[in-house]
Amino acid sequence: MRTLSRLPHVLLTALLAGGLLATGASPASAVSGTGSGIDREYRALPGASSWLGDPVSAERCGLRDGGCYRQYQKGTIHWSPTTGARAQRGGILARWRAEGSEHGTLGYPVSREACGKNGCEVRYQRGRITWTAKAGAVVHRDVDAASSASVVVNKERPLAPRTYAPSPLRTVGGGVQLREDAATAYQRMSRAAGAQGVHLVAQSGYRDYATQDALYRGYTASHGQATADSLSARPGYSEHQTGLAVDVASPTGACTLLACFSATPQGRWIAAHAHEYGFVVRYPQGQTPSTGYAYEPWHLRYVGPATAKSVKRSGRASLEAYLGLPAAPTY
């Protein structure tokens, strides 16, 4: 499929139209009259019949997050409740499918394919795909961008650059700082929990490269590198360095940074509600082979409400599994 993505855009469109290129569509059941907006998107296209051609399938639903799609002679329109209906075709569509469609790291399209003299582009929930005659279809993933709320950092995916520092930061209490978007979400979550009689304490948040380096060196000096790697991230590999991760504790300090935190009122509340505010429990129970870290029910990672809710609905415990990324048990 990487080779296909470099074929001329019009040729890929023709292959799709003729059924010579597999659609790779997600399993779904045929429906009609869903009111999803797919027909409205089709009618809004500039010269719809020439841009996508005629429909060749019924509208089908049952995709991730309640999404739907319809196949046309030259491409598709995908819809989800979060993103609306967006049209794609040709080399960009082929590359998106090769990336896993809506189940991949990019998610659903959030813009209609737009073309100009320099090429074409579609934006997605977590990135974009560009197409030019020279380069073919090129993927730009937010999971690779240190400044993105969708960035994935683990033992095989260091930050780029490794000395990355987010800005602006905001204090959320006790001297703990988070990136501004994560701080806003955390404060909303903390107020909501407090209104239900559950008081959250931000125990740790942003740590810069130098602080993480000193922490890791201390563990290495005391316990050796093998043990240090099981207790602390190496500098440049820590989620705390993104400003998107926060360790939560209770006012009493009960079970702070221990697995038994999951049984505290705070642990139970965030397990049930954190996704509503854009957070996931980043290192879930039983996912060490995927994440590289033992169960940490106190460690929350901000990914944004849409992604957090989708992760919760998917039943896939780790971000690696949800996004189809390789497991990262070791450096």
C-alpha atoms as a PDB file:
ATOM      1  CA  MET A   1       0.000   0.000   0.000  1.00  0.00           C
ATOM      2  CA  ARG A   2       2.953   2.340   0.491  1.00  0.00           C
ATOM      3  CA  THR A   3       3.698   1.867  -3.211  1.00  0.00           C
ATOM      4  CA  LEU A   4       0.064   2.480  -4.128  1.00  0.00           C
ATOM      5  CA  SER A   5       0.085   5.757  -2.213  1.00  0.00           C
ATOM      6  CA  ARG A   6       2.676   7.104  -4.648  1.00  0.00           C
ATOM      7  CA  LEU A   7       0.563   6.389  -7.735  1.00  0.00           C
ATOM      8  CA  PRO A   8      -0.945   9.437  -9.442  1.00  0.00           C
ATOM      9  CA  HIS A   9      -3.989  10.708  -7.562  1.00  0.00           C
ATOM     10  CA  VAL A  10      -6.276  10.330 -10.582  1.00  0.00           C
ATOM     11  CA  LEU A  11      -5.094   6.758 -11.216  1.00  0.00           C
ATOM     12  CA  LEU A  12      -5.881   5.707  -7.660  1.00  0.00           C
ATOM     13  CA  THR A  13      -9.286   7.323  -8.010  1.00  0.00           C
ATOM     14  CA  ALA A  14      -9.888   5.298 -11.173  1.00  0.00           C
ATOM     15  CA  LEU A  15      -8.779   2.071  -9.469  1.00  0.00           C
ATOM     16  CA  LEU A  16     -11.218   2.722  -6.650  1.00  0.00           C
ATOM     17  CA  ALA A  17     -13.981   3.436  -9.137  1.00  0.00           C
ATOM     18  CA  GLY A  18     -13.366   0.235 -11.042  1.00  0.00           C
ATOM     19  CA  GLY A  19     -13.237  -1.934  -7.950  1.00  0.00           C
ATOM     20  CA  LEU A  20      -9.610  -2.882  -8.695  1.00  0.00           C
ATOM     21  CA  LEU A  21      -8.397  -1.594  -5.327  1.00  0.00           C
ATOM     22  CA  ALA A  22      -9.837  -3.140  -2.175  1.00  0.00           C
ATOM     23  CA  THR A  23     -11.850  -0.670  -0.136  1.00  0.00           C
ATOM     24  CA  GLY A  24     -10.691  -1.879   3.265  1.00  0.00           C
ATOM     25  CA  ALA A  25     -13.915  -0.565   4.780  1.00  0.00           C
ATOM     26  CA  SER A  26     -14.694  -1.484   8.360  1.00  0.00           C
ATOM     27  CA  PRO A  27     -17.362  -4.170   8.887  1.00  0.00           C
ATOM     28  CA  ALA A  28     -20.748  -2.501   9.191  1.00  0.00           C
ATOM     29  CA  SER A  29     -24.385  -3.129   8.452  1.00  0.00           C
ATOM     30  CA  ALA A  30     -26.268  -1.456   5.616  1.00  0.00           C
ATOM     31  CA  VAL A  31     -28.756   1.177   6.722  1.00  0.00           C
ATOM     32  CA  SER A  32     -30.759   3.944   5.148  1.00  0.00           C
ATOM     33  CA  GLY A  33     -32.191   7.201   6.367  1.00  0.00           C
ATOM     34  CA  THR A  34     -29.776   7.623   9.276  1.00  0.00           C
ATOM     35  CA  GLY A  35     -29.661  11.394   8.939  1.00  0.00           C
ATOM     36  CA  SER A  36     -25.892  11.265   9.408  1.00  0.00           C
ATOM     37  CA  GLY A  37     -25.177  14.094   6.996  1.00  0.00           C
ATOM     38  CA  ILE A  38     -23.443  11.940   4.378  1.00  0.00           C
ATOM     39  CA  ASP A  39     -25.975  12.902   1.710  1.00  0.00           C
ATOM     40  CA  ARG A  40     -25.652  16.582   2.661  1.00  0.00           C
ATOM     41  CA  GLU A  41     -21.865  16.395   2.305  1.00  0.00           C
ATOM     42  CA  TYR A  42     -22.258  14.738  -1.095  1.00  0.00           C
ATOM     43  CA  ARG A  43     -24.634  17.429  -2.337  1.00  0.00           C
ATOM     44  CA  ALA A  44     -22.293  20.151  -1.051  1.00  0.00           C
ATOM     45  CA  LEU A  45     -19.311  18.888  -3.069  1.00  0.00           C
ATOM     46  CA  PRO A  46     -18.234  20.994  -6.036  1.00  0.00           C
ATOM     47  CA  GLY A  47     -19.633  18.961  -8.931  1.00  0.00           C
ATOM     48  CA  ALA A  48     -20.465  15.973  -6.726  1.00  0.00           C
ATOM     49  CA  SER A  49     -21.025  13.516  -9.563  1.00  0.00           C
ATOM     50  CA  SER A  50     -17.634  14.272 -11.099  1.00  0.00           C
ATOM     51  CA  TRP A  51     -15.808  14.636  -7.739  1.00  0.00           C
ATOM     52  CA  LEU A  52     -16.915  11.307  -6.203  1.00  0.00           C
ATOM     53  CA  GLY A  53     -19.093   9.723  -8.862  1.00  0.00           C
ATOM     54  CA  ASP A  54     -22.312   7.880  -8.101  1.00  0.00           C
ATOM     55  CA  PRO A  55     -22.953   5.899  -4.889  1.00  0.00           C
ATOM     56  CA  VAL A  56     -22.000   2.227  -5.184  1.00  0.00           C
ATOM     57  CA  SER A  57     -23.112   1.092  -1.717  1.00  0.00           C
ATOM     58  CA  ALA A  58     -25.788   1.781   0.830  1.00  0.00           C
ATOM     59  CA  GLU A  59     -24.867   3.898   3.808  1.00  0.00           C
ATOM     60  CA  ARG A  60     -23.257   1.605   6.379  1.00  0.00           C
ATOM     61  CA  CYS A  61     -22.944   2.212  10.102  1.00  0.00           C
ATOM     62  CA  GLY A  62     -21.448   0.479  13.118  1.00  0.00           C
ATOM     63  CA  LEU A  63     -17.948   1.924  12.808  1.00  0.00           C
ATOM     64  CA  ARG A  64     -15.863   3.128  15.765  1.00  0.00           C
ATOM     65  CA  ASP A  65     -17.649   5.730  17.899  1.00  0.00           C
ATOM     66  CA  GLY A  66     -20.944   5.174  16.079  1.00  0.00           C
ATOM     67  CA  GLY A  67     -19.603   6.235  12.693  1.00  0.00           C
ATOM     68  CA  CYS A  68     -21.012   5.603   9.202  1.00  0.00           C
ATOM     69  CA  TYR A  69     -19.686   5.669   5.648  1.00  0.00           C
ATOM     70  CA  ARG A  70     -20.819   5.387   2.051  1.00  0.00           C
ATOM     71  CA  GLN A  71     -18.775   4.193  -0.897  1.00  0.00           C
ATOM     72  CA  TYR A  72     -18.847   6.089  -4.198  1.00  0.00           C
ATOM     73  CA  GLN A  73     -17.282   5.366  -7.567  1.00  0.00           C
ATOM     74  CA  LYS A  74     -14.233   7.524  -6.810  1.00  0.00           C
ATOM     75  CA  GLY A  75     -14.013   7.586  -3.025  1.00  0.00           C
ATOM     76  CA  THR A  76     -15.946   7.633   0.239  1.00  0.00           C
ATOM     77  CA  ILE A  77     -17.688   9.882   2.718  1.00  0.00           C
ATOM     78  CA  HIS A  78     -17.141   9.012   6.379  1.00  0.00           C
ATOM     79  CA  TRP A  79     -19.223  10.439   9.218  1.00  0.00           C
ATOM     80  CA  SER A  80     -19.030  10.339  13.004  1.00  0.00           C
ATOM     81  CA  PRO A  81     -21.007  12.244  15.647  1.00  0.00           C
ATOM     82  CA  THR A  82     -17.853  14.148  16.610  1.00  0.00           C
ATOM     83  CA  THR A  83     -16.432  15.006  13.188  1.00  0.00           C
ATOM     84  CA  GLY A  84     -19.416  15.203  10.857  1.00  0.00           C
ATOM     85  CA  ALA A  85     -19.321  13.962   7.252  1.00  0.00           C
ATOM     86  CA  ARG A  86     -16.113  14.352   5.199  1.00  0.00           C
ATOM     87  CA  ALA A  87     -15.269  13.246   1.658  1.00  0.00           C
ATOM     88  CA  GLN A  88     -11.994  11.581   0.609  1.00  0.00           C
ATOM     89  CA  ARG A  89     -10.676   9.983  -2.558  1.00  0.00           C
ATOM     90  CA  GLY A  90      -7.613   8.790  -4.450  1.00  0.00           C
ATOM     91  CA  GLY A  91      -4.144   8.513  -2.955  1.00  0.00           C
ATOM     92  CA  ILE A  92      -5.077  10.163   0.335  1.00  0.00           C
ATOM     93  CA  LEU A  93      -7.959   7.751   0.888  1.00  0.00           C
ATOM     94  CA  ALA A  94      -5.740   4.773   0.035  1.00  0.00           C
ATOM     95  CA  ARG A  95      -3.082   5.911   2.511  1.00  0.00           C
ATOM     96  CA  TRP A  96      -5.651   6.551   5.264  1.00  0.00           C
ATOM     97  CA  ARG A  97      -6.905   2.995   4.820  1.00  0.00           C
ATOM     98  CA  ALA A  98      -3.346   1.689   4.958  1.00  0.00           C
ATOM     99  CA  GLU A  99      -2.984   3.535   8.279  1.00  0.00           C
ATOM    100  CA  GLY A 100      -5.985   1.678   9.732  1.00  0.00           C
ATOM    101  CA  SER A 101      -8.842   3.999   8.718  1.00  0.00           C
ATOM    102  CA  GLU A 102     -10.794   5.295  11.723  1.00  0.00           C
ATOM    103  CA  HIS A 103      -9.078   2.702  13.949  1.00  0.00           C
ATOM    104  CA  GLY A 104      -5.590   4.007  13.171  1.00  0.00           C
ATOM    105  CA  THR A 105      -3.514   6.771  14.705  1.00  0.00           C
ATOM    106  CA  LEU A 106      -5.208   9.457  12.590  1.00  0.00           C
ATOM    107  CA  GLY A 107      -8.857   8.809  13.482  1.00  0.00           C
ATOM    108  CA  TYR A 108     -11.715  10.178  11.378  1.00  0.00           C
ATOM    109  CA  PRO A 109     -11.314  12.971   8.813  1.00  0.00           C
ATOM    110  CA  VAL A 110     -12.287  16.416  10.090  1.00  0.00           C
ATOM    111  CA  SER A 111     -11.999  18.230   6.762  1.00  0.00           C
ATOM    112  CA  ARG A 112     -13.048  17.537   3.204  1.00  0.00           C
ATOM    113  CA  GLU A 113     -10.176  16.813   0.829  1.00  0.00           C
ATOM    114  CA  ALA A 114      -8.909  20.166  -0.436  1.00  0.00           C
ATOM    115  CA  CYS A 115      -6.630  20.524  -3.454  1.00  0.00           C
ATOM    116  CA  GLY A 116      -4.619  23.393  -4.886  1.00  0.00           C
ATOM    117  CA  LYS A 117      -1.735  23.921  -7.261  1.00  0.00           C
ATOM    118  CA  ASN A 118       0.709  22.385  -4.754  1.00  0.00           C
ATOM    119  CA  GLY A 119      -1.279  19.228  -4.025  1.00  0.00           C
ATOM    120  CA  CYS A 120      -4.081  17.968  -1.787  1.00  0.00           C
ATOM    121  CA  GLU A 121      -4.678  17.604   1.947  1.00  0.00           C
ATOM    122  CA  VAL A 122      -7.128  16.041   4.386  1.00  0.00           C
ATOM    123  CA  ARG A 123      -7.021  16.818   8.105  1.00  0.00           C
ATOM    124  CA  TYR A 124      -7.910  14.148  10.658  1.00  0.00           C
ATOM    125  CA  GLN A 125      -8.606  14.005  14.379  1.00  0.00           C
ATOM    126  CA  ARG A 126      -4.949  13.308  15.119  1.00  0.00           C
ATOM    127  CA  GLY A 127      -3.002  14.495  12.103  1.00  0.00           C
ATOM    128  CA  ARG A 128      -3.211  15.026   8.355  1.00  0.00           C
ATOM    129  CA  ILE A 129      -2.295  13.452   5.020  1.00  0.00           C
ATOM    130  CA  THR A 130      -0.877  15.505   2.184  1.00  0.00           C
ATOM    131  CA  TRP A 131      -0.486  14.429  -1.433  1.00  0.00           C
ATOM    132  CA  THR A 132       1.763  15.804  -4.161  1.00  0.00           C
ATOM    133  CA  ALA A 133       2.730  14.380  -7.528  1.00  0.00           C
ATOM    134  CA  LYS A 134       6.361  14.211  -6.400  1.00  0.00           C
ATOM    135  CA  ALA A 135       6.005  12.705  -2.912  1.00  0.00           C
ATOM    136  CA  GLY A 136       2.716  10.844  -3.151  1.00  0.00           C
ATOM    137  CA  ALA A 137       0.663  10.566   0.043  1.00  0.00           C
ATOM    138  CA  VAL A 138       2.565  11.579   3.191  1.00  0.00           C
ATOM    139  CA  VAL A 139       1.235  11.064   6.718  1.00  0.00           C
ATOM    140  CA  HIS A 140       1.776  13.683   9.438  1.00  0.00           C
ATOM    141  CA  ARG A 141       0.781  12.081  12.761  1.00  0.00           C
ATOM    142  CA  ASP A 142      -0.020  14.067  15.889  1.00  0.00           C
ATOM    143  CA  VAL A 143       1.075  11.040  17.946  1.00  0.00           C
ATOM    144  CA  ASP A 144       4.628  11.907  16.843  1.00  0.00           C
ATOM    145  CA  ALA A 145       4.408  15.631  17.680  1.00  0.00           C
ATOM    146  CA  ALA A 146       5.609  16.580  21.169  1.00  0.00           C
ATOM    147  CA  SER A 147       3.317  19.618  21.280  1.00  0.00           C
ATOM    148  CA  SER A 148       0.166  17.631  20.454  1.00  0.00           C
ATOM    149  CA  ALA A 149      -2.307  16.412  23.074  1.00  0.00           C
ATOM    150  CA  SER A 150      -2.289  13.160  21.076  1.00  0.00           C
ATOM    151  CA  VAL A 151       1.460  12.535  21.397  1.00  0.00           C
ATOM    152  CA  VAL A 152       2.354   9.020  22.534  1.00  0.00           C
ATOM    153  CA  VAL A 153       5.481   8.758  24.683  1.00  0.00           C
ATOM    154  CA  ASN A 154       6.783   5.394  25.824  1.00  0.00           C
ATOM    155  CA  LYS A 155      10.002   3.385  26.036  1.00  0.00           C
ATOM    156  CA  GLU A 156      10.212   3.142  22.248  1.00  0.00           C
ATOM    157  CA  ARG A 157       8.852   6.603  21.452  1.00  0.00           C
ATOM    158  CA  PRO A 158      10.965   9.423  22.935  1.00  0.00           C
ATOM    159  CA  LEU A 159       9.944  13.039  22.647  1.00  0.00           C
ATOM    160  CA  ALA A 160      11.340  14.955  19.694  1.00  0.00           C
ATOM    161  CA  PRO A 161      13.341  16.856  20.685  1.00  0.00           C
ATOM    162  CA  ARG A 162      14.130  14.974  23.871  1.00  0.00           C
ATOM    163  CA  THR A 163      14.597  18.266  25.709  1.00  0.00           C
ATOM    164  CA  TYR A 164      11.100  19.448  24.679  1.00  0.00           C
ATOM    165  CA  ALA A 165       9.445  21.911  27.081  1.00  0.00           C
ATOM    166  CA  PRO A 166       5.730  22.807  26.770  1.00  0.00           C
ATOM    167  CA  SER A 167       4.398  26.351  27.017  1.00  0.00           C
ATOM    168  CA  PRO A 168       2.396  27.912  28.530  1.00  0.00           C
ATOM    169  CA  LEU A 169       2.129  26.111  31.863  1.00  0.00           C
ATOM    170  CA  ARG A 170      -0.369  26.746  34.635  1.00  0.00           C
ATOM    171  CA  THR A 171      -0.254  25.849  38.328  1.00  0.00           C
ATOM    172  CA  VAL A 172      -3.133  23.614  39.448  1.00  0.00           C
ATOM    173  CA  GLY A 173      -2.276  23.513  43.149  1.00  0.00           C
ATOM    174  CA  GLY A 174       0.614  22.763  45.470  1.00  0.00           C
ATOM    175  CA  GLY A 175       3.156  24.049  42.964  1.00  0.00           C
ATOM    176  CA  VAL A 176       2.145  21.375  40.427  1.00  0.00           C
ATOM    177  CA  GLN A 177       2.102  22.654  36.853  1.00  0.00           C
ATOM    178  CA  LEU A 178       0.418  21.300  33.723  1.00  0.00           C
ATOM    179  CA  ARG A 179       0.170  22.446  30.144  1.00  0.00           C
ATOM    180  CA  GLU A 180      -2.631  24.991  29.863  1.00  0.00           C
ATOM    181  CA  ASP A 181      -5.179  22.739  28.131  1.00  0.00           C
ATOM    182  CA  ALA A 182      -4.531  19.897  30.575  1.00  0.00           C
ATOM    183  CA  ALA A 183      -4.642  22.315  33.526  1.00  0.00           C
ATOM    184  CA  THR A 184      -8.038  23.671  32.471  1.00  0.00           C
ATOM    185  CA  ALA A 185      -9.410  20.141  32.127  1.00  0.00           C
ATOM    186  CA  TYR A 186      -7.908  19.023  35.447  1.00  0.00           C
ATOM    187  CA  GLN A 187      -9.424  21.946  37.334  1.00  0.00           C
ATOM    188  CA  ARG A 188     -12.850  21.221  35.829  1.00  0.00           C
ATOM    189  CA  MET A 189     -12.501  17.576  36.825  1.00  0.00           C
ATOM    190  CA  SER A 190     -11.334  18.463  40.329  1.00  0.00           C
ATOM    191  CA  ARG A 191     -14.316  20.774  40.862  1.00  0.00           C
ATOM    192  CA  ALA A 192     -16.730  18.102  39.618  1.00  0.00           C
ATOM    193  CA  ALA A 193     -15.239  15.494  41.940  1.00  0.00           C
ATOM    194  CA  GLY A 194     -15.311  17.922  44.860  1.00  0.00           C
ATOM    195  CA  ALA A 195     -18.990  18.650  44.228  1.00  0.00           C
ATOM    196  CA  GLN A 196     -19.577  14.924  44.780  1.00  0.00           C
ATOM    197  CA  GLY A 197     -17.570  14.898  48.000  1.00  0.00           C
ATOM    198  CA  VAL A 198     -14.384  13.463  46.476  1.00  0.00           C
ATOM    199  CA  HIS A 199     -11.369  15.740  46.823  1.00  0.00           C
ATOM    200  CA  LEU A 200      -8.477  15.279  44.401  1.00  0.00           C
ATOM    201  CA  VAL A 201      -4.908  16.395  45.073  1.00  0.00           C
ATOM    202  CA  ALA A 202      -2.442  16.956  42.229  1.00  0.00           C
ATOM    203  CA  GLN A 203       0.652  15.216  43.582  1.00  0.00           C
ATOM    204  CA  SER A 204       2.949  15.619  40.556  1.00  0.00           C
ATOM    205  CA  GLY A 205       2.700  17.160  37.105  1.00  0.00           C
ATOM    206  CA  TYR A 206       5.184  18.691  34.679  1.00  0.00           C
ATOM    207  CA  ARG A 207       8.835  17.744  35.108  1.00  0.00           C
ATOM    208  CA  ASP A 208      11.430  19.232  32.781  1.00  0.00           C
ATOM    209  CA  TYR A 209      14.248  17.248  31.176  1.00  0.00           C
ATOM    210  CA  ALA A 210      16.808  18.174  33.844  1.00  0.00           C
ATOM    211  CA  THR A 211      14.502  17.182  36.708  1.00  0.00           C
ATOM    212  CA  GLN A 212      13.676  13.849  35.065  1.00  0.00           C
ATOM    213  CA  ASP A 213      17.368  13.260  34.394  1.00  0.00           C
ATOM    214  CA  ALA A 214      18.239  13.855  38.054  1.00  0.00           C
ATOM    215  CA  LEU A 215      15.397  11.587  39.193  1.00  0.00           C
ATOM    216  CA  TYR A 216      16.456   8.779  36.867  1.00  0.00           C
ATOM    217  CA  ARG A 217      20.130   9.114  37.824  1.00  0.00           C
ATOM    218  CA  GLY A 218      19.170   8.881  41.483  1.00  0.00           C
ATOM    219  CA  TYR A 219      17.250   5.650  40.922  1.00  0.00           C
ATOM    220  CA  THR A 220      20.115   4.251  38.849  1.00  0.00           C
ATOM    221  CA  ALA A 221      22.693   5.061  41.527  1.00  0.00           C
ATOM    222  CA  SER A 222      20.562   3.489  44.256  1.00  0.00           C
ATOM    223  CA  HIS A 223      19.124   0.457  42.486  1.00  0.00           C
ATOM    224  CA  GLY A 224      20.993  -0.131  39.208  1.00  0.00           C
ATOM    225  CA  GLN A 225      19.763   0.599  35.700  1.00  0.00           C
ATOM    226  CA  ALA A 226      17.477  -2.428  35.321  1.00  0.00           C
ATOM    227  CA  THR A 227      15.498  -1.526  38.433  1.00  0.00           C
ATOM    228  CA  ALA A 228      15.607   2.179  37.606  1.00  0.00           C
ATOM    229  CA  ASP A 229      14.001   1.459  34.232  1.00  0.00           C
ATOM    230  CA  SER A 230      11.090  -0.241  35.999  1.00  0.00           C
ATOM    231  CA  LEU A 231      10.593   2.666  38.411  1.00  0.00           C
ATOM    232  CA  SER A 232      11.275   5.801  36.396  1.00  0.00           C
ATOM    233  CA  ALA A 233      11.255   6.960  32.784  1.00  0.00           C
ATOM    234  CA  ARG A 234      14.516   8.022  31.241  1.00  0.00           C
ATOM    235  CA  PRO A 235      14.800  11.754  30.472  1.00  0.00           C
ATOM    236  CA  GLY A 236      13.136  12.502  27.149  1.00  0.00           C
ATOM    237  CA  TYR A 237      10.865   9.458  27.522  1.00  0.00           C
ATOM    238  CA  SER A 238       8.608  10.715  30.317  1.00  0.00           C
ATOM    239  CA  GLU A 239       4.965  11.680  29.909  1.00  0.00           C
ATOM    240  CA  HIS A 240       5.449  14.169  32.725  1.00  0.00           C
ATOM    241  CA  GLN A 241       7.784  16.128  30.443  1.00  0.00           C
ATOM    242  CA  THR A 242       4.863  16.791  28.056  1.00  0.00           C
ATOM    243  CA  GLY A 243       2.927  18.677  30.738  1.00  0.00           C
ATOM    244  CA  LEU A 244      -0.058  16.440  29.957  1.00  0.00           C
ATOM    245  CA  ALA A 245       0.350  13.919  32.806  1.00  0.00           C
ATOM    246  CA  VAL A 246      -0.727  14.332  36.418  1.00  0.00           C
ATOM    247  CA  ASP A 247      -0.367  12.001  39.396  1.00  0.00           C
ATOM    248  CA  VAL A 248      -3.445  12.235  41.606  1.00  0.00           C
ATOM    249  CA  ALA A 249      -3.568  11.600  45.357  1.00  0.00           C
ATOM    250  CA  SER A 250      -6.051  11.860  48.213  1.00  0.00           C
ATOM    251  CA  PRO A 251      -5.918  14.615  50.875  1.00  0.00           C
ATOM    252  CA  THR A 252      -5.012  11.988  53.492  1.00  0.00           C
ATOM    253  CA  GLY A 253      -2.135  10.626  51.444  1.00  0.00           C
ATOM    254  CA  ALA A 254      -3.594   7.120  51.627  1.00  0.00           C
ATOM    255  CA  CYS A 255      -2.052   4.767  49.051  1.00  0.00           C
ATOM    256  CA  THR A 256      -0.157   7.584  47.311  1.00  0.00           C
ATOM    257  CA  LEU A 257       1.710   6.156  44.292  1.00  0.00           C
ATOM    258  CA  LEU A 258       0.577   2.643  45.244  1.00  0.00           C
ATOM    259  CA  ALA A 259      -1.724   0.219  43.425  1.00  0.00           C
ATOM    260  CA  CYS A 260      -4.149   0.315  46.366  1.00  0.00           C
ATOM    261  CA  PHE A 261      -4.999   3.892  45.294  1.00  0.00           C
ATOM    262  CA  SER A 262      -7.553   2.276  42.973  1.00  0.00           C
ATOM    263  CA  ALA A 263      -9.671   1.341  46.016  1.00  0.00           C
ATOM    264  CA  THR A 264      -9.730   4.867  47.484  1.00  0.00           C
ATOM    265  CA  PRO A 265     -12.668   7.209  46.774  1.00  0.00           C
ATOM    266  CA  GLN A 266     -10.351   9.239  44.537  1.00  0.00           C
ATOM    267  CA  GLY A 267      -9.175   6.176  42.617  1.00  0.00           C
ATOM    268  CA  ARG A 268     -12.713   4.915  42.078  1.00  0.00           C
ATOM    269  CA  TRP A 269     -13.944   8.340  40.986  1.00  0.00           C
ATOM    270  CA  ILE A 270     -11.258   8.944  38.359  1.00  0.00           C
ATOM    271  CA  ALA A 271     -11.654   5.397  37.014  1.00  0.00           C
ATOM    272  CA  ALA A 272     -15.341   6.141  36.442  1.00  0.00           C
ATOM    273  CA  HIS A 273     -15.215   9.789  35.352  1.00  0.00           C
ATOM    274  CA  ALA A 274     -11.747  10.934  34.201  1.00  0.00           C
ATOM    275  CA  HIS A 275     -12.575  10.253  30.534  1.00  0.00           C
ATOM    276  CA  GLU A 276     -15.414  12.777  30.715  1.00  0.00           C
ATOM    277  CA  TYR A 277     -12.777  15.490  31.152  1.00  0.00           C
ATOM    278  CA  GLY A 278     -10.276  14.210  28.594  1.00  0.00           C
ATOM    279  CA  PHE A 279      -8.066  12.002  30.798  1.00  0.00           C
ATOM    280  CA  VAL A 280      -7.199   8.303  30.617  1.00  0.00           C
ATOM    281  CA  VAL A 281      -5.504   6.093  33.195  1.00  0.00           C
ATOM    282  CA  ARG A 282      -2.325   5.780  31.168  1.00  0.00           C
ATOM    283  CA  TYR A 283      -0.889   2.622  32.749  1.00  0.00           C
ATOM    284  CA  PRO A 284      -3.859   0.293  33.311  1.00  0.00           C
ATOM    285  CA  GLN A 285      -3.838  -2.980  35.199  1.00  0.00           C
ATOM    286  CA  GLY A 286      -2.472  -5.923  33.230  1.00  0.00           C
ATOM    287  CA  GLN A 287      -1.054  -3.753  30.431  1.00  0.00           C
ATOM    288  CA  THR A 288       2.653  -3.764  31.335  1.00  0.00           C
ATOM    289  CA  PRO A 289       3.564  -5.729  28.150  1.00  0.00           C
ATOM    290  CA  SER A 290       1.952  -2.924  26.133  1.00  0.00           C
ATOM    291  CA  THR A 291       2.895   0.218  28.079  1.00  0.00           C
ATOM    292  CA  GLY A 292       6.167  -0.873  29.688  1.00  0.00           C
ATOM    293  CA  TYR A 293       5.010   0.193  33.153  1.00  0.00           C
ATOM    294  CA  ALA A 294       3.262  -1.499  36.060  1.00  0.00           C
ATOM    295  CA  TYR A 295      -0.293  -0.567  37.028  1.00  0.00           C
ATOM    296  CA  GLU A 296      -0.521   3.095  38.080  1.00  0.00           C
ATOM    297  CA  PRO A 297      -4.154   3.953  38.876  1.00  0.00           C
ATOM    298  CA  TRP A 298      -3.062   7.436  39.987  1.00  0.00           C
ATOM    299  CA  HIS A 299      -1.321   8.433  36.727  1.00  0.00           C
ATOM    300  CA  LEU A 300      -3.668  10.347  34.424  1.00  0.00           C
ATOM    301  CA  ARG A 301      -2.816  11.506  30.940  1.00  0.00           C
ATOM    302  CA  TYR A 302      -4.721  14.254  29.120  1.00  0.00           C
ATOM    303  CA  VAL A 303      -5.604  13.294  25.530  1.00  0.00           C
ATOM    304  CA  GLY A 304      -8.719  15.441  25.037  1.00  0.00           C
ATOM    305  CA  PRO A 305     -12.381  14.526  25.654  1.00  0.00           C
ATOM    306  CA  ALA A 306     -13.102  12.995  22.231  1.00  0.00           C
ATOM    307  CA  THR A 307     -10.162  10.577  22.371  1.00  0.00           C
ATOM    308  CA  ALA A 308     -10.589   9.777  26.075  1.00  0.00           C
ATOM    309  CA  LYS A 309     -14.268   8.914  25.613  1.00  0.00           C
ATOM    310  CA  SER A 310     -13.471   6.830  22.540  1.00  0.00           C
ATOM    311  CA  VAL A 311     -10.760   4.914  24.424  1.00  0.00           C
ATOM    312  CA  LYS A 312     -13.263   4.222  27.209  1.00  0.00           C
ATOM    313  CA  ARG A 313     -15.916   2.984  24.768  1.00  0.00           C
ATOM    314  CA  SER A 314     -13.445   0.854  22.829  1.00  0.00           C
ATOM    315  CA  GLY A 315     -12.551  -1.324  25.803  1.00  0.00           C
ATOM    316  CA  ARG A 316      -8.896  -1.173  24.735  1.00  0.00           C
ATOM    317  CA  ALA A 317      -7.037  -0.432  27.918  1.00  0.00           C
ATOM    318  CA  SER A 318      -3.801   1.150  26.673  1.00  0.00           C
ATOM    319  CA  LEU A 319      -3.221   4.006  24.236  1.00  0.00           C
ATOM    320  CA  GLU A 320      -0.868   1.741  22.315  1.00  0.00           C
ATOM    321  CA  ALA A 321      -3.649  -0.822  21.772  1.00  0.00           C
ATOM    322  CA  TYR A 322      -6.287   1.806  20.995  1.00  0.00           C
ATOM    323  CA  LEU A 323      -4.127   3.550  18.386  1.00  0.00           C
ATOM    324  CA  GLY A 324      -2.697   0.375  16.883  1.00  0.00           C
ATOM    325  CA  LEU A 325       0.853   1.279  17.916  1.00  0.00           C
ATOM    326  CA  PRO A 326       3.517  -1.326  18.722  1.00  0.00           C
ATOM    327  CA  ALA A 327       3.848  -2.419  22.332  1.00  0.00           C
ATOM    328  CA  ALA A 328       6.752  -0.808  24.188  1.00  0.00           C
ATOM    329  CA  PRO A 329       7.772  -3.061  27.080  1.00  0.00           C
ATOM    330  CA  THR A 330      11.466  -2.080  26.989  1.00  0.00           C
ATOM    331  CA  TYR A 331      13.853   0.574  25.703  1.00  0.00           C
END
